[in-house]
Amino acid sequence: MWSRNTLTIVGSAVLCVSLIGRPQLGAPTTDEPAATATAPPIVVQAPSATHRPSVLVPLYISFATLQGLDVHSTLRAPEFGGREANPIVSGMLGSPAAFIAAKVGMTASIYFVSERLWKRHKTAAVLTMIALNSTYGAVVAHNYAIEARAARAGSR
C-alpha cells in the first residue's frame, strides 16, 4: 500500500513539474534569427487569458473539502492507534490550532500559485489541481481506511 501512495505522489509531482515549464504559443524562442533592420517587426498577439477555466472553481472547492477531511482524519488518528507519518506534521499535532493554520496557509498558497499559473498556462493549472486533488483523495481514503480497520478490530 505504501508503494502505491508513493508512486501516486511522485507521479503527480513529475506531471506538475513537467507541465510548468512548457513554452507558451507565440512566445519568442532563442532559436529564431535576429530581425534585420530592413524587415518590419512582427507582432504576435497572444490569446487573451482573462477568463479563469471554469473547472478550476470546483477543483478549488474539492481541494478545500479534502483538506478538511485530512485535518479531521489526522486529528482523530491517535484515538484509533494511528500516527502521522510526516515528521513535520506530527510535530504540529500537539496544537490542533497550529495544524489547522498550517493547512489553511498551505491551501491558500496553492490557490495563489494556481491563480497565477492559469493566466499563462491554463492546462497546467487545471492538471496541477487535478493531481493535487487526486493525491489528497488517496491520502484521505488511506486515513479513513486505517480508522475503519481499527474500529473493526476493536469491535471483535
Protein backbone atom coordinates (compact mmCIF):
# COMPACT_ATOMS: atom_id res chain seq x y z
CA MET A 1 0.00 0.00 0.00
CA TRP A 2 2.81 2.40 0.84
CA SER A 3 4.46 1.99 -2.56
CA ARG A 4 1.20 2.83 -4.41
CA ASN A 5 0.80 6.07 -2.45
CA THR A 6 4.44 6.94 -3.04
CA LEU A 7 4.02 6.24 -6.74
CA THR A 8 0.91 8.44 -6.86
CA ILE A 9 2.68 11.34 -5.18
CA VAL A 10 5.85 11.05 -7.26
CA GLY A 11 3.87 10.66 -10.49
CA SER A 12 1.72 13.70 -9.67
CA ALA A 13 4.79 15.79 -8.84
CA VAL A 14 6.56 14.78 -12.07
CA LEU A 15 3.48 15.62 -14.12
CA CYS A 16 3.10 19.03 -12.47
CA VAL A 17 6.76 19.94 -12.82
CA SER A 18 6.88 18.85 -16.46
CA LEU A 19 3.87 21.00 -17.34
CA ILE A 20 5.00 24.17 -15.59
CA GLY A 21 8.00 24.76 -17.86
CA ARG A 22 6.25 24.23 -21.22
CA PRO A 23 6.70 27.10 -23.69
CA GLN A 24 3.71 29.25 -24.49
CA LEU A 25 2.32 29.57 -28.02
CA GLY A 26 3.56 32.72 -29.68
CA ALA A 27 6.37 33.24 -27.17
CA PRO A 28 9.78 34.12 -28.63
CA THR A 29 12.34 31.34 -28.79
CA THR A 30 16.10 31.61 -28.68
CA ASP A 31 16.44 29.71 -31.98
CA GLU A 32 14.84 32.47 -34.05
CA PRO A 33 17.30 34.58 -36.07
CA ALA A 34 17.58 38.24 -35.13
CA ALA A 35 15.42 40.56 -37.22
CA THR A 36 17.30 42.72 -39.72
CA ALA A 37 16.94 46.49 -39.79
CA THR A 38 15.09 46.40 -43.14
CA ALA A 39 12.39 43.95 -42.07
CA PRO A 40 9.46 45.32 -40.08
CA PRO A 41 8.95 43.68 -36.69
CA ILE A 42 6.27 41.02 -36.50
CA VAL A 43 3.93 41.48 -33.59
CA VAL A 44 2.05 38.39 -32.47
CA GLN A 45 -0.78 38.87 -30.04
CA ALA A 46 -1.03 36.06 -27.51
CA PRO A 47 -4.56 34.87 -26.84
CA SER A 48 -6.20 36.74 -24.01
CA ALA A 49 -6.18 34.79 -20.75
CA THR A 50 -8.70 36.91 -18.91
CA HIS A 51 -11.16 34.15 -18.07
CA ARG A 52 -10.40 31.51 -15.47
CA PRO A 53 -11.03 27.97 -16.71
CA SER A 54 -14.49 27.03 -15.47
CA VAL A 55 -13.26 23.75 -13.97
CA LEU A 56 -10.87 25.47 -11.53
CA VAL A 57 -13.51 26.66 -9.04
CA PRO A 58 -14.94 23.15 -8.45
CA LEU A 59 -11.36 21.86 -8.14
CA TYR A 60 -10.66 24.55 -5.52
CA ILE A 61 -13.79 23.57 -3.59
CA SER A 62 -12.97 19.86 -3.69
CA PHE A 63 -9.39 20.60 -2.63
CA ALA A 64 -10.61 22.59 0.39
CA THR A 65 -13.00 19.75 1.26
CA LEU A 66 -10.19 17.21 1.05
CA GLN A 67 -8.04 19.39 3.30
CA GLY A 68 -10.85 19.50 5.86
CA LEU A 69 -11.22 15.72 5.72
CA ASP A 70 -7.45 15.31 6.06
CA VAL A 71 -7.46 17.53 9.17
CA HIS A 72 -10.38 15.56 10.63
CA SER A 73 -8.85 12.14 9.98
CA THR A 74 -5.38 13.19 11.13
CA LEU A 75 -6.59 14.68 14.41
CA ARG A 76 -8.67 11.54 15.11
CA ALA A 77 -5.87 9.09 14.26
CA PRO A 78 -4.48 8.80 17.84
CA GLU A 79 -7.92 7.64 19.05
CA PHE A 80 -7.58 4.62 16.77
CA GLY A 81 -3.93 3.88 17.40
CA GLY A 82 -2.77 5.67 14.25
CA ARG A 83 0.11 8.07 13.94
CA GLU A 84 1.19 10.76 11.49
CA ALA A 85 3.86 9.51 9.09
CA ASN A 86 5.07 13.01 8.15
CA PRO A 87 7.56 14.16 10.82
CA ILE A 88 6.90 17.86 10.14
CA VAL A 89 3.16 17.47 10.59
CA SER A 90 3.50 15.17 13.60
CA GLY A 91 5.28 17.98 15.45
CA MET A 92 2.24 20.23 14.92
CA LEU A 93 -0.32 17.73 16.17
CA GLY A 94 0.26 18.78 19.77
CA SER A 95 -1.54 22.00 18.87
CA PRO A 96 -4.55 21.42 16.63
CA ALA A 97 -4.82 25.19 16.03
CA ALA A 98 -1.26 25.26 14.62
CA PHE A 99 -2.02 22.24 12.44
CA ILE A 100 -5.22 23.79 11.08
CA ALA A 101 -3.46 27.13 10.49
CA ALA A 102 -0.70 25.35 8.57
CA LYS A 103 -3.27 23.53 6.42
CA VAL A 104 -5.16 26.77 5.73
CA GLY A 105 -1.91 28.53 4.81
CA MET A 106 -0.84 25.71 2.53
CA THR A 107 -4.25 25.63 0.84
CA ALA A 108 -4.23 29.41 0.33
CA SER A 109 -0.72 29.29 -1.13
CA ILE A 110 -1.76 26.56 -3.58
CA TYR A 111 -4.73 28.69 -4.65
CA PHE A 112 -2.42 31.69 -5.09
CA VAL A 113 0.03 29.73 -7.26
CA SER A 114 -2.77 28.20 -9.30
CA GLU A 115 -4.38 31.59 -9.89
CA ARG A 116 -1.07 32.95 -11.18
CA LEU A 117 -0.42 29.84 -13.26
CA TRP A 118 -3.71 29.81 -15.19
CA LYS A 119 -3.05 33.27 -16.60
CA ARG A 120 -0.14 31.85 -18.60
CA HIS A 121 -0.81 28.09 -18.73
CA LYS A 122 -4.47 27.19 -18.26
CA THR A 123 -3.95 23.50 -18.91
CA ALA A 124 -1.07 23.28 -16.44
CA ALA A 125 -3.15 24.97 -13.74
CA VAL A 126 -6.05 22.57 -14.25
CA LEU A 127 -3.83 19.48 -14.38
CA THR A 128 -1.95 20.62 -11.26
CA MET A 129 -5.20 20.94 -9.32
CA ILE A 130 -6.40 17.57 -10.61
CA ALA A 131 -3.11 15.98 -9.50
CA LEU A 132 -3.31 17.62 -6.06
CA ASN A 133 -6.95 16.56 -5.63
CA SER A 134 -6.09 13.01 -6.66
CA THR A 135 -3.15 12.85 -4.29
CA TYR A 136 -5.07 14.20 -1.31
CA GLY A 137 -8.02 11.97 -2.18
CA ALA A 138 -5.70 8.97 -1.88
CA VAL A 139 -4.31 10.27 1.43
CA VAL A 140 -7.77 10.85 2.91
CA ALA A 141 -9.03 7.47 1.71
CA HIS A 142 -5.99 5.83 3.29
CA ASN A 143 -6.54 7.68 6.60
CA TYR A 144 -10.19 6.66 6.83
CA ALA A 145 -9.38 3.07 5.79
CA ILE A 146 -6.98 2.81 8.73
CA GLU A 147 -9.66 4.23 11.02
CA ALA A 148 -12.24 1.74 9.75
CA ARG A 149 -9.80 -1.16 10.09
CA ALA A 150 -9.02 -0.13 13.69
CA ALA A 151 -12.73 0.21 14.50
CA ARG A 152 -13.42 -3.29 13.12
CA ALA A 153 -10.52 -4.75 15.08
CA GLY A 154 -11.73 -3.02 18.26
CA SER A 155 -15.25 -4.39 17.91
CA ARG A 156 -14.06 -8.02 17.83
